[in-house]
Protein backbone atom coordinates (compact mmCIF):
# COMPACT_ATOMS: atom_id res chain seq x y z
CA MET A 1 94.62 139.72 60.58
CA PRO A 2 93.92 137.84 57.46
CA PRO A 3 90.49 136.06 57.46
CA VAL A 4 90.12 132.77 59.25
CA LYS A 5 88.71 129.87 57.49
CA TRP A 6 85.88 127.92 59.42
CA TYR A 7 83.91 125.07 58.57
CA SER A 8 80.32 124.51 59.00
CA PRO A 9 79.34 120.98 60.30
CA LEU A 10 76.23 121.08 58.47
CA THR A 11 77.41 122.11 54.93
CA SER A 12 80.51 121.97 52.78
CA ARG A 13 80.81 125.53 52.70
CA SER A 14 83.73 127.34 54.67
CA LEU A 15 83.17 130.62 56.51
CA HIS A 16 85.84 133.37 56.03
CA LEU A 17 85.60 135.60 59.20
CA SER A 18 87.86 137.48 61.26
CA LEU A 19 88.29 137.63 64.99
CA PRO A 20 86.56 137.81 67.09
CA VAL A 21 83.57 137.17 64.91
CA PRO A 22 84.11 133.64 64.11
CA LEU A 23 83.88 132.56 67.49
CA ARG A 24 80.62 134.50 68.19
CA ALA A 25 79.28 133.73 64.75
CA HIS A 26 78.72 129.98 65.58
CA ARG A 27 75.44 128.82 66.95
CA VAL A 28 74.95 129.08 70.67
CA ARG A 29 75.26 125.96 73.07
CA PRO A 30 72.74 123.35 72.63
CA ALA A 31 70.04 123.68 75.50
CA HIS A 32 70.03 119.79 75.84
CA PRO A 33 73.13 117.30 76.11
CA ARG A 34 73.94 115.55 72.90
CA LEU A 35 72.44 112.10 72.58
CA ASP A 36 74.63 110.71 69.85
CA GLY A 37 77.94 111.04 71.59
CA SER A 38 80.36 113.47 73.41
CA PRO A 39 81.34 116.77 71.75
CA ARG A 40 84.84 116.60 70.33
CA ARG A 41 87.71 117.54 72.70
CA ARG A 42 91.15 118.39 72.59
CA LEU A 43 93.65 118.84 75.63
CA MET A 44 96.65 120.93 75.40
CA HIS A 45 99.30 121.34 77.98
CA TRP A 46 101.75 124.22 78.69
CA HIS A 47 105.42 123.53 77.72
CA PRO A 48 107.68 126.17 79.26
CA ASN A 49 110.82 127.37 77.30
CA PRO A 50 114.23 126.04 78.51
CA GLY A 51 114.88 127.42 82.15
CA ALA A 52 111.38 128.96 82.82
CA THR A 53 109.23 128.01 85.47
CA LEU A 54 105.58 127.50 86.05
CA ASN A 55 103.94 130.25 87.76
CA SER A 56 100.24 131.67 88.29
CA GLN A 57 100.82 134.50 86.21
CA ILE A 58 101.03 132.25 83.02
CA LEU A 59 97.50 130.85 84.25
CA ALA A 60 95.97 134.25 84.36
CA GLU A 61 97.23 135.56 81.17
CA ALA A 62 95.79 132.37 79.41
CA SER A 63 92.48 133.12 80.86
CA GLY A 64 92.83 136.97 79.97
CA CYS A 65 93.21 135.55 76.22
CA ALA A 66 89.95 133.44 76.45
CA GLU A 67 88.00 136.55 77.43
CA SER A 68 89.67 138.55 74.74
CA LEU A 69 88.49 136.37 72.09
CA GLY A 70 84.98 137.02 73.41
CA GLY A 71 84.64 134.12 76.02
CA SER A 72 82.30 134.84 78.93
CA LYS A 73 83.20 132.93 82.20
CA ASP A 74 80.88 130.14 82.95
CA GLY A 75 81.78 128.58 86.25
CA ARG A 76 84.35 126.28 87.63
CA TRP A 77 85.44 122.78 86.68
CA LYS A 78 87.66 120.03 88.20
CA THR A 79 88.94 116.54 87.08
CA SER A 80 90.98 114.29 89.07
CA ILE A 81 93.46 111.75 88.33
CA ILE A 82 94.36 109.02 90.79
CA PHE A 83 97.40 106.86 90.67
CA TYR A 84 96.82 103.48 92.02
CA ARG A 85 99.36 100.67 92.81
CA ALA A 86 98.63 96.86 93.12
CA MET A 87 98.47 95.54 96.48
CA ALA A 88 99.88 92.17 97.65
CA ARG A 89 97.49 89.56 98.74
CA ASP A 90 97.76 87.96 102.24
CA GLY A 91 99.18 84.94 100.92
CA ALA A 92 101.89 87.01 99.39
CA SER A 93 102.37 89.56 101.94
CA ALA A 94 105.55 87.92 103.25
CA GLY A 95 108.20 86.33 101.10
CA ALA A 96 110.66 83.86 102.08
CA GLY A 97 113.24 85.14 104.55
CA GLY A 98 111.47 88.49 104.99
CA ALA A 99 111.59 89.37 101.63
CA PRO A 100 109.17 91.92 100.07
CA PRO A 101 105.79 90.97 99.13
CA GLN A 102 105.27 89.32 95.92
CA GLN A 103 102.63 90.86 93.40
CA LEU A 104 100.43 88.37 91.92
CA PRO A 105 101.02 87.40 88.25
CA ASP A 106 98.99 88.80 85.52
CA VAL A 107 98.07 92.05 87.90
CA PRO A 108 99.05 95.10 86.02
CA ARG A 109 101.13 97.17 88.51
CA GLU A 110 99.63 100.45 88.10
CA LEU A 111 96.19 101.95 87.14
CA LEU A 112 94.95 105.46 86.45
CA GLY A 113 91.61 106.47 87.85
CA VAL A 114 89.86 109.49 86.04
CA ALA A 115 86.89 111.30 87.63
CA LEU A 116 85.49 113.79 84.98
CA HIS A 117 83.84 116.87 86.07
CA GLU A 118 80.91 116.81 84.13
CA ARG A 119 80.32 112.90 84.79
CA PRO A 120 80.25 112.69 88.63
CA GLY A 121 78.44 109.29 88.35
CA LEU A 122 80.85 107.76 86.26
CA TYR A 123 84.66 106.51 86.88
CA PHE A 124 87.07 105.71 84.34
CA SER A 125 89.98 103.40 84.75
CA ILE A 126 93.08 103.17 82.53
CA LEU A 127 95.41 100.56 82.30
CA ARG A 128 98.21 102.05 80.26
CA SER A 129 100.41 98.86 80.02
CA HIS A 130 97.57 96.77 78.58
CA ARG A 131 96.04 99.71 76.61
CA LEU A 132 92.74 99.30 78.48
CA VAL A 133 90.03 102.28 79.39
CA LEU A 134 87.21 100.83 81.39
CA GLN A 135 84.04 102.67 82.52
CA ALA A 136 82.39 102.00 85.84
CA ASP A 137 80.02 103.41 88.62
CA ALA A 138 81.50 106.25 90.63
CA ALA A 139 81.78 103.62 93.41
CA PHE A 140 84.11 101.80 91.64
CA PRO A 141 87.27 103.25 93.77
CA HIS A 142 85.27 102.02 97.01
CA VAL A 143 85.11 98.52 95.53
CA MET A 144 88.95 98.25 94.86
CA GLU A 145 89.42 99.26 98.32
CA LYS A 146 87.35 96.69 100.12
CA LEU A 147 88.82 94.02 97.61
CA GLN A 148 92.31 95.28 98.35
CA SER A 149 93.34 95.13 94.73
CA TYR A 150 94.72 98.55 94.23
CA LYS A 151 95.75 101.35 96.82
CA ALA A 152 95.37 105.03 95.85
CA ARG A 153 98.83 106.67 96.03
CA VAL A 154 98.83 110.00 94.48
CA THR A 155 95.57 112.26 93.55
CA LEU A 156 96.08 115.17 91.04
CA ASN A 157 93.71 117.73 90.43
CA PHE A 158 92.90 119.77 87.13
CA GLU A 159 90.78 122.78 87.95
CA GLY A 160 89.87 126.13 86.91
CA PHE A 161 87.47 128.16 85.04
CA GLN A 162 85.40 127.47 81.75
CA TYR A 163 84.56 129.75 79.12
CA GLN A 164 81.62 129.94 76.54
CA LEU A 165 82.74 130.84 72.93
CA GLY A 166 79.64 130.40 70.72
CA ASP A 167 79.82 126.47 69.96
CA PHE A 168 83.19 126.15 71.75
CA CYS A 169 83.82 125.71 75.52
CA LEU A 170 87.25 126.36 76.75
CA ARG A 171 88.60 125.07 80.07
CA ILE A 172 91.79 126.59 81.34
CA GLY A 173 93.46 125.31 84.70
CA LYS A 174 96.15 124.37 86.82
CA CYS A 175 97.28 120.93 87.86
CA VAL A 176 97.94 120.45 91.62
CA PRO A 177 98.17 117.61 94.11
CA ASN A 178 95.31 117.18 96.28
CA ASN A 179 95.31 119.33 99.51
CA SER A 180 98.02 121.39 98.01
CA GLU A 181 98.61 124.46 95.98
CA THR A 182 101.86 123.16 94.31
CA LEU A 183 101.83 124.04 90.57
CA ARG A 184 102.69 120.84 88.65
CA GLY A 185 101.29 122.09 85.35
CA ILE A 186 98.86 124.11 83.21
CA MET A 187 96.49 123.02 80.63
CA MET A 188 93.29 123.77 78.38
CA GLU A 189 90.57 121.63 77.10
CA VAL A 190 88.77 122.74 74.03
CA GLU A 191 85.17 121.46 73.34
CA TYR A 192 83.31 121.74 69.93
CA TYR A 193 79.62 121.05 70.57
CA PRO A 194 78.35 120.34 67.08
CA LEU A 195 80.70 117.23 66.11
CA SER A 196 81.49 114.05 67.71
CA SER A 197 83.72 112.70 65.02
CA ILE A 198 87.34 113.25 65.38
CA GLU A 199 88.20 113.38 61.73
CA LYS A 200 85.34 115.71 60.76
CA SER A 201 86.21 118.21 63.57
CA ARG A 202 90.01 118.09 62.94
CA ALA A 203 90.22 121.10 60.61
CA VAL A 204 88.01 123.33 62.94
CA MET A 205 90.08 122.43 65.89
CA ASP A 206 93.44 123.00 64.15
CA ASP A 207 92.01 126.63 63.21
CA PHE A 208 90.88 127.23 66.55
CA PHE A 209 94.15 126.34 68.00
CA ASP A 210 95.83 128.67 65.40
CA ILE A 211 93.92 131.36 66.54
CA TRP A 212 94.75 130.73 70.19
CA LYS A 213 98.64 130.39 69.51
CA GLU A 214 98.44 133.94 67.61
CA THR A 215 96.42 135.48 70.47
CA LEU A 216 98.94 134.03 73.04
CA ALA A 217 101.67 134.87 71.35
CA LYS A 218 101.03 138.83 71.93
CA LYS A 219 101.58 138.05 75.53
CA SER A 220 105.30 137.03 75.02
CA LEU A 221 105.06 134.25 77.79
CA PRO A 222 108.09 131.95 78.40
CA GLY A 223 106.53 129.03 76.67
CA HIS A 224 103.60 127.62 74.54
CA PHE A 225 100.72 125.19 74.71
CA ILE A 226 101.02 121.95 72.66
CA HIS A 227 98.84 119.08 71.91
CA VAL A 228 100.06 115.36 71.79
CA GLU A 229 97.74 113.18 69.87
CA SER A 230 96.53 110.19 71.92
CA ASN A 231 96.44 106.83 69.91
CA PHE A 232 92.95 106.17 70.63
CA SER A 233 93.03 103.03 68.18
CA GLU A 234 95.42 101.37 70.81
CA TYR A 235 92.65 101.57 73.32
CA GLY A 236 90.04 100.01 70.74
CA LEU A 237 88.27 103.56 70.56
CA SER A 238 86.59 104.64 67.34
CA ASP A 239 86.22 107.82 65.50
CA HIS A 240 83.03 108.55 67.43
CA TYR A 241 84.19 110.55 70.00
CA SER A 242 83.22 109.34 73.73
CA PHE A 243 83.99 110.08 77.48
CA GLN A 244 86.61 107.25 77.43
CA HIS A 245 88.41 109.41 74.74
CA THR A 246 88.67 112.11 77.35
CA ALA A 247 89.93 109.82 79.90
CA VAL A 248 92.83 108.49 77.75
CA GLN A 249 93.65 112.00 76.71
CA TYR A 250 93.99 113.33 80.20
CA ALA A 251 96.32 110.26 80.92
CA THR A 252 98.31 111.35 77.65
CA CYS A 253 98.40 115.13 78.90
CA LEU A 254 99.39 114.24 82.55
CA GLN A 255 102.39 112.35 81.04
CA GLN A 256 103.32 115.07 78.84
CA LEU A 257 103.04 117.47 81.83
CA MET A 258 105.35 115.37 84.09
CA ALA A 259 107.87 115.13 81.36
CA ALA A 260 107.83 119.07 80.87
CA VAL A 261 108.31 119.64 84.72
CA ARG A 262 111.32 117.35 84.49
CA GLY A 263 112.88 118.79 81.48
């Protein structure tokens, strides 16, 4: 394998190392969380080849690739996405002549709720039609239920194992409905601890993904992981990465997963 170019976040020098050394050569995970923002993350989803179907073997092979790169298993993770639908108020519950209830004007019809695994005290709401992402307390869903503004319709869980690879954390998991094992998708989340800047971390993220694709290609699986860039600026998010960025990425990833399954 030719040398892989790795970029140091502290200097302008680049490191030329071969696998699996580059992943192990980075500094170990910081003992304390970052205070200047959330580490940069990139989400990818599994795109099956035409005619291929999803199965748990793909998930197992992907996990095996993480270990072959020198990753050490570091527990489980779970992120949930909840689909909400706007509820009609009492005054609009019955239309003329028994017509269906009318939705109030200026109320978005749908809302996505995101509960991130590492931030159990927070809850993120995404209004895709308005390009808004809101951060609230974890009690926010109960408030909506009491106000009868939105009703939860479907809950999808992203869950699996996470692996530590030096300055990287790799999370590989499945997408399944709540209280079900029906496989709806496979995804991975790559976190790079030293940087919060999206642009400054782009090169090292691209290099990591190239290594990942090369490693996974040896398995001859019926598909591949792809990354669809979220348009953070549409949501008013800056280059400084935050948990709101992660919530938006999960919404984008979910949309792509559903399109891949339908296709």
